[in-house]
Every structure is written in structure tokens, then in C-alpha cells.
Amino acid sequence: MPRTQNSGQAPSNRQDKLNLAMVSLEWQPIRLITLMAWLQRDQRTSSEFGGDYKSNSVGLSAKATF
């Protein structure tokens, strides 16, 4: 008889909604240098308690080409 694996957890009816927004800027002051900056906002709402979150991120990057 084949064995089945049971995680011991009840089936979940969890529903999540994820929203993400991002703004970015890239600037090349001279041909060999590229500067980048971005802002990002994530937000999740969940039907499960404790599953909601909000996150804000900021990023900076520089690239030099030789």
C-alpha cells in the first residue's frame, strides 16, 4: 500500500494581496560613469493574522566603465 505524506496542518484558505511601487533614476554625468537611485514600497495584506507587512527601500548604485 503506498504511503502518503501528511504535514499535520489543516488546509489554508489564506488570501494575500501584494502591491509594489518603484521609482528609479539613472544618470550618466560622463560616458564612463553611471549613477542609479531608486525608491521602492511593498505592501501585503493577508487574510491570515500576522501576514500583513509594509516595506520601504532605498537604493543607490554607481558603475564605472573602464
C-alpha atoms as a PDB file:
ATOM      1  CA  MET A   1       0.000   0.000   0.000  1.00  0.00           C
ATOM      2  CA  PRO A   2       1.503   3.414  -0.949  1.00  0.00           C
ATOM      3  CA  ARG A   3       2.271   5.804   1.869  1.00  0.00           C
ATOM      4  CA  THR A   4       1.069   9.393   1.772  1.00  0.00           C
ATOM      5  CA  GLN A   5       2.811  12.274   3.466  1.00  0.00           C
ATOM      6  CA  ASN A   6       0.722  14.472   5.755  1.00  0.00           C
ATOM      7  CA  SER A   7       2.134  17.749   7.053  1.00  0.00           C
ATOM      8  CA  GLY A   8      -0.247  17.704  10.004  1.00  0.00           C
ATOM      9  CA  GLN A   9      -1.657  21.093   9.036  1.00  0.00           C
ATOM     10  CA  ALA A  10      -5.197  21.903   8.041  1.00  0.00           C
ATOM     11  CA  PRO A  11      -5.721  23.300   4.536  1.00  0.00           C
ATOM     12  CA  SER A  12      -5.462  27.085   4.471  1.00  0.00           C
ATOM     13  CA  ASN A  13      -7.866  29.479   2.787  1.00  0.00           C
ATOM     14  CA  ARG A  14      -5.295  32.250   3.081  1.00  0.00           C
ATOM     15  CA  GLN A  15      -5.547  35.034   0.537  1.00  0.00           C
ATOM     16  CA  ASP A  16      -2.757  37.579   0.073  1.00  0.00           C
ATOM     17  CA  LYS A  17      -2.643  40.775  -1.980  1.00  0.00           C
ATOM     18  CA  LEU A  18       0.770  42.275  -2.796  1.00  0.00           C
ATOM     19  CA  ASN A  19       1.252  45.829  -4.079  1.00  0.00           C
ATOM     20  CA  LEU A  20       4.635  47.086  -5.212  1.00  0.00           C
ATOM     21  CA  ALA A  21       5.602  50.550  -6.462  1.00  0.00           C
ATOM     22  CA  MET A  22       9.053  51.629  -7.618  1.00  0.00           C
ATOM     23  CA  VAL A  23      10.594  54.840  -8.918  1.00  0.00           C
ATOM     24  CA  SER A  24      14.099  54.782 -10.348  1.00  0.00           C
ATOM     25  CA  LEU A  25      16.504  57.263 -11.853  1.00  0.00           C
ATOM     26  CA  GLU A  26      19.598  56.624 -13.933  1.00  0.00           C
ATOM     27  CA  TRP A  27      22.041  59.419 -14.731  1.00  0.00           C
ATOM     28  CA  GLN A  28      25.228  59.356 -16.791  1.00  0.00           C
ATOM     29  CA  PRO A  29      27.178  62.547 -15.982  1.00  0.00           C
ATOM     30  CA  ILE A  30      30.025  61.395 -18.230  1.00  0.00           C
ATOM     31  CA  ARG A  31      30.317  58.478 -20.640  1.00  0.00           C
ATOM     32  CA  LEU A  32      32.273  56.263 -18.203  1.00  0.00           C
ATOM     33  CA  ILE A  33      30.124  56.798 -15.072  1.00  0.00           C
ATOM     34  CA  THR A  34      26.510  55.740 -14.462  1.00  0.00           C
ATOM     35  CA  LEU A  35      24.667  56.627 -11.246  1.00  0.00           C
ATOM     36  CA  MET A  36      21.398  54.974 -10.228  1.00  0.00           C
ATOM     37  CA  ALA A  37      18.924  55.617  -7.411  1.00  0.00           C
ATOM     38  CA  TRP A  38      15.573  54.040  -6.582  1.00  0.00           C
ATOM     39  CA  LEU A  39      12.760  54.052  -4.064  1.00  0.00           C
ATOM     40  CA  GLN A  40      10.543  51.025  -3.564  1.00  0.00           C
ATOM     41  CA  ARG A  41       7.387  50.438  -1.500  1.00  0.00           C
ATOM     42  CA  ASP A  42       5.928  46.968  -0.855  1.00  0.00           C
ATOM     43  CA  GLN A  43       2.708  46.255   0.973  1.00  0.00           C
ATOM     44  CA  ARG A  44       0.987  42.935   1.576  1.00  0.00           C
ATOM     45  CA  THR A  45      -2.445  42.417   3.071  1.00  0.00           C
ATOM     46  CA  SER A  46      -3.374  38.923   4.145  1.00  0.00           C
ATOM     47  CA  SER A  47      -6.464  37.172   5.392  1.00  0.00           C
ATOM     48  CA  GLU A  48      -4.202  35.393   7.888  1.00  0.00           C
ATOM     49  CA  PHE A  49      -3.378  37.115  11.176  1.00  0.00           C
ATOM     50  CA  GLY A  50       0.176  38.478  11.171  1.00  0.00           C
ATOM     51  CA  GLY A  51       0.569  38.122   7.410  1.00  0.00           C
ATOM     52  CA  ASP A  52       0.410  41.861   6.619  1.00  0.00           C
ATOM     53  CA  TYR A  53       3.543  43.920   6.103  1.00  0.00           C
ATOM     54  CA  LYS A  54       4.817  47.202   4.692  1.00  0.00           C
ATOM     55  CA  SER A  55       8.350  47.777   3.455  1.00  0.00           C
ATOM     56  CA  ASN A  56      10.191  50.842   2.162  1.00  0.00           C
ATOM     57  CA  SER A  57      13.548  50.510   0.397  1.00  0.00           C
ATOM     58  CA  VAL A  58      16.067  52.999  -0.924  1.00  0.00           C
ATOM     59  CA  GLY A  59      18.924  52.056  -3.218  1.00  0.00           C
ATOM     60  CA  LEU A  60      21.976  53.786  -4.637  1.00  0.00           C
ATOM     61  CA  SER A  61      24.395  52.404  -7.168  1.00  0.00           C
ATOM     62  CA  ALA A  62      27.385  53.648  -9.132  1.00  0.00           C
ATOM     63  CA  LYS A  63      29.040  51.980 -12.106  1.00  0.00           C
ATOM     64  CA  ALA A  64      32.375  52.939 -13.643  1.00  0.00           C
ATOM     65  CA  THR A  65      33.313  51.548 -17.047  1.00  0.00           C
ATOM     66  CA  PHE A  66      36.983  51.269 -17.957  1.00  0.00           C
END
